[in-house]
Structures are given as structure tokens and as C-alpha cells.
Amino acid sequence: MAEARQLKAGRWRIYMGRSLNLVRDPSTGSIATFDSLAAARQWWAQLHPGEPLREANRCAQCGGYFGPAAGSVLYAGRHYHPAHRPGADDLRLRA
């Protein structure tokens, strides 16, 4: 399964598999990088018809992506790092 992630500079890259290997352009061998998610999806659709490219899950609070070993919590339909889940501060203060 492939997923797109936005870099800090605003560009997009496509990662493949559980180890998050960067996808390379078969014609040039360089890492495929795009100006927008739409451009990445269009390029992906040409190479892999019928296989959708989705954006990787981001933390709803900090915007960070989840790595292969990072846990996530689903709260009210949105993904969070465990420490960023709404109400997590309240739970830590009570303990």
C-alpha cells in the first residue's frame, strides 16, 4: 500500500510498504516529489491504475505523521498521538 506525505517544505513524496520506502520515478530513477497531493495522485494513477493513493494519517493536534512503530489513538473519528488525545492532559494530572 502506498501513501503520500507532505514534507516540511510543502512538497509531497510517496512512500510504499510497512518500512516506508520512498517511491522512485521509473523513467529517471530519482525520488518522486510533487508540488501537490493532486499531482502525486495523478502521477500514481498513471503508473498504478486502480490502486488509490491516500494521504498518510496525521495527528489531528500536531499534524505529525505516524511512523511504522508509532501508536495512534482514534478519538471522534480523528487520529492522535496517544499524548495528544483530547483529555490526555486531564488524565495525566489525575494520576
C-alpha atoms as a PDB file:
ATOM      1  CA  MET A   1       0.000   0.000   0.000  1.00  0.00           C
ATOM      2  CA  ALA A   2       1.294   3.465  -0.892  1.00  0.00           C
ATOM      3  CA  GLU A   3       0.705   6.704   0.967  1.00  0.00           C
ATOM      4  CA  ALA A   4       1.608  10.333   0.355  1.00  0.00           C
ATOM      5  CA  ARG A   5       3.245  12.535   2.974  1.00  0.00           C
ATOM      6  CA  GLN A   6       3.885  16.240   2.907  1.00  0.00           C
ATOM      7  CA  LEU A   7       7.405  17.435   3.628  1.00  0.00           C
ATOM      8  CA  LYS A   8       8.109  20.453   5.832  1.00  0.00           C
ATOM      9  CA  ALA A   9       8.948  22.445   2.689  1.00  0.00           C
ATOM     10  CA  GLY A  10       5.427  21.788   1.364  1.00  0.00           C
ATOM     11  CA  ARG A  11       6.300  19.251  -1.327  1.00  0.00           C
ATOM     12  CA  TRP A  12       4.875  15.722  -1.376  1.00  0.00           C
ATOM     13  CA  ARG A  13       6.525  12.291  -1.566  1.00  0.00           C
ATOM     14  CA  ILE A  14       5.101   8.812  -1.926  1.00  0.00           C
ATOM     15  CA  TYR A  15       6.093   6.017   0.445  1.00  0.00           C
ATOM     16  CA  MET A  16       5.451   2.316  -0.076  1.00  0.00           C
ATOM     17  CA  GLY A  17       5.081  -0.612   2.302  1.00  0.00           C
ATOM     18  CA  ARG A  18       5.421  -1.048   6.048  1.00  0.00           C
ATOM     19  CA  SER A  19       9.044   0.118   6.002  1.00  0.00           C
ATOM     20  CA  LEU A  20       8.029   3.352   4.228  1.00  0.00           C
ATOM     21  CA  ASN A  21      10.374   3.035   1.250  1.00  0.00           C
ATOM     22  CA  LEU A  22      10.498   6.124  -0.958  1.00  0.00           C
ATOM     23  CA  VAL A  23       8.983   5.630  -4.408  1.00  0.00           C
ATOM     24  CA  ARG A  24      11.249   6.447  -7.346  1.00  0.00           C
ATOM     25  CA  ASP A  25      10.285   7.598 -10.817  1.00  0.00           C
ATOM     26  CA  PRO A  26      10.865   4.558 -13.064  1.00  0.00           C
ATOM     27  CA  SER A  27      11.923   6.733 -16.003  1.00  0.00           C
ATOM     28  CA  THR A  28      14.643   8.692 -14.161  1.00  0.00           C
ATOM     29  CA  GLY A  29      15.380   6.693 -11.008  1.00  0.00           C
ATOM     30  CA  SER A  30      15.072   9.822  -8.875  1.00  0.00           C
ATOM     31  CA  ILE A  31      12.831  10.129  -5.828  1.00  0.00           C
ATOM     32  CA  ALA A  32       9.370  11.173  -6.974  1.00  0.00           C
ATOM     33  CA  THR A  33       8.487  14.565  -5.440  1.00  0.00           C
ATOM     34  CA  PHE A  34       5.393  16.648  -6.192  1.00  0.00           C
ATOM     35  CA  ASP A  35       4.071  20.174  -5.652  1.00  0.00           C
ATOM     36  CA  SER A  36       0.633  18.972  -4.544  1.00  0.00           C
ATOM     37  CA  LEU A  37      -1.224  15.898  -3.367  1.00  0.00           C
ATOM     38  CA  ALA A  38      -3.340  16.079  -6.523  1.00  0.00           C
ATOM     39  CA  ALA A  39      -0.211  15.931  -8.717  1.00  0.00           C
ATOM     40  CA  ALA A  40       1.097  12.942  -6.732  1.00  0.00           C
ATOM     41  CA  ARG A  41      -2.234  11.139  -7.115  1.00  0.00           C
ATOM     42  CA  GLN A  42      -2.336  11.837 -10.851  1.00  0.00           C
ATOM     43  CA  TRP A  43       1.208  10.503 -11.358  1.00  0.00           C
ATOM     44  CA  TRP A  44       0.436   7.453  -9.191  1.00  0.00           C
ATOM     45  CA  ALA A  45      -2.784   6.700 -11.106  1.00  0.00           C
ATOM     46  CA  GLN A  46      -0.849   6.585 -14.388  1.00  0.00           C
ATOM     47  CA  LEU A  47       1.636   4.044 -13.011  1.00  0.00           C
ATOM     48  CA  HIS A  48      -0.790   2.035 -10.843  1.00  0.00           C
ATOM     49  CA  PRO A  49      -4.319   2.238 -12.275  1.00  0.00           C
ATOM     50  CA  GLY A  50      -6.968   1.049  -9.851  1.00  0.00           C
ATOM     51  CA  GLU A  51      -4.726   1.461  -6.788  1.00  0.00           C
ATOM     52  CA  PRO A  52      -5.639   4.689  -4.970  1.00  0.00           C
ATOM     53  CA  LEU A  53      -3.012   6.865  -3.324  1.00  0.00           C
ATOM     54  CA  ARG A  54      -4.102   8.121   0.074  1.00  0.00           C
ATOM     55  CA  GLU A  55      -2.582  10.670   2.383  1.00  0.00           C
ATOM     56  CA  ALA A  56      -0.945   9.116   5.423  1.00  0.00           C
ATOM     57  CA  ASN A  57      -2.727   9.565   8.753  1.00  0.00           C
ATOM     58  CA  ARG A  58      -1.742  12.708  10.628  1.00  0.00           C
ATOM     59  CA  CYS A  59      -2.171  13.647  14.257  1.00  0.00           C
ATOM     60  CA  ALA A  60      -5.163  15.982  14.479  1.00  0.00           C
ATOM     61  CA  GLN A  61      -3.370  18.124  17.080  1.00  0.00           C
ATOM     62  CA  CYS A  62       0.254  18.447  15.930  1.00  0.00           C
ATOM     63  CA  GLY A  63      -0.022  17.457  12.248  1.00  0.00           C
ATOM     64  CA  GLY A  64       2.775  14.906  12.530  1.00  0.00           C
ATOM     65  CA  TYR A  65       2.602  11.641  10.626  1.00  0.00           C
ATOM     66  CA  PHE A  66       2.626   8.245  12.312  1.00  0.00           C
ATOM     67  CA  GLY A  67       5.694   6.117  11.657  1.00  0.00           C
ATOM     68  CA  PRO A  68       5.698   2.328  11.493  1.00  0.00           C
ATOM     69  CA  ALA A  69       6.246   1.971  15.258  1.00  0.00           C
ATOM     70  CA  ALA A  70       4.206   4.973  16.404  1.00  0.00           C
ATOM     71  CA  GLY A  71       0.920   4.278  18.070  1.00  0.00           C
ATOM     72  CA  SER A  72      -2.201   6.241  17.317  1.00  0.00           C
ATOM     73  CA  VAL A  73      -5.496   6.755  19.077  1.00  0.00           C
ATOM     74  CA  LEU A  74      -8.739   7.247  17.202  1.00  0.00           C
ATOM     75  CA  TYR A  75     -10.913   9.794  19.005  1.00  0.00           C
ATOM     76  CA  ALA A  76     -14.099  11.260  17.491  1.00  0.00           C
ATOM     77  CA  GLY A  77     -13.076   9.994  14.055  1.00  0.00           C
ATOM     78  CA  ARG A  78      -9.646  11.660  14.085  1.00  0.00           C
ATOM     79  CA  HIS A  79      -6.180  10.204  14.705  1.00  0.00           C
ATOM     80  CA  TYR A  80      -3.994  11.449  17.575  1.00  0.00           C
ATOM     81  CA  HIS A  81      -0.667  10.567  19.115  1.00  0.00           C
ATOM     82  CA  PRO A  82      -1.551   8.977  22.482  1.00  0.00           C
ATOM     83  CA  ALA A  83      -0.289  12.018  24.409  1.00  0.00           C
ATOM     84  CA  HIS A  84      -2.215  14.435  22.161  1.00  0.00           C
ATOM     85  CA  ARG A  85      -5.656  12.865  22.510  1.00  0.00           C
ATOM     86  CA  PRO A  86      -8.189  15.363  23.859  1.00  0.00           C
ATOM     87  CA  GLY A  87      -8.433  14.875  27.589  1.00  0.00           C
ATOM     88  CA  ALA A  88      -4.987  13.228  27.838  1.00  0.00           C
ATOM     89  CA  ASP A  89      -3.685  16.149  29.942  1.00  0.00           C
ATOM     90  CA  ASP A  90      -6.606  15.722  32.341  1.00  0.00           C
ATOM     91  CA  LEU A  91      -5.814  12.010  32.721  1.00  0.00           C
ATOM     92  CA  ARG A  92      -2.133  12.686  33.471  1.00  0.00           C
ATOM     93  CA  LEU A  93      -2.928  15.303  36.084  1.00  0.00           C
ATOM     94  CA  ARG A  94      -5.242  12.949  37.992  1.00  0.00           C
ATOM     95  CA  ALA A  95      -2.721  10.113  38.190  1.00  0.00           C
END
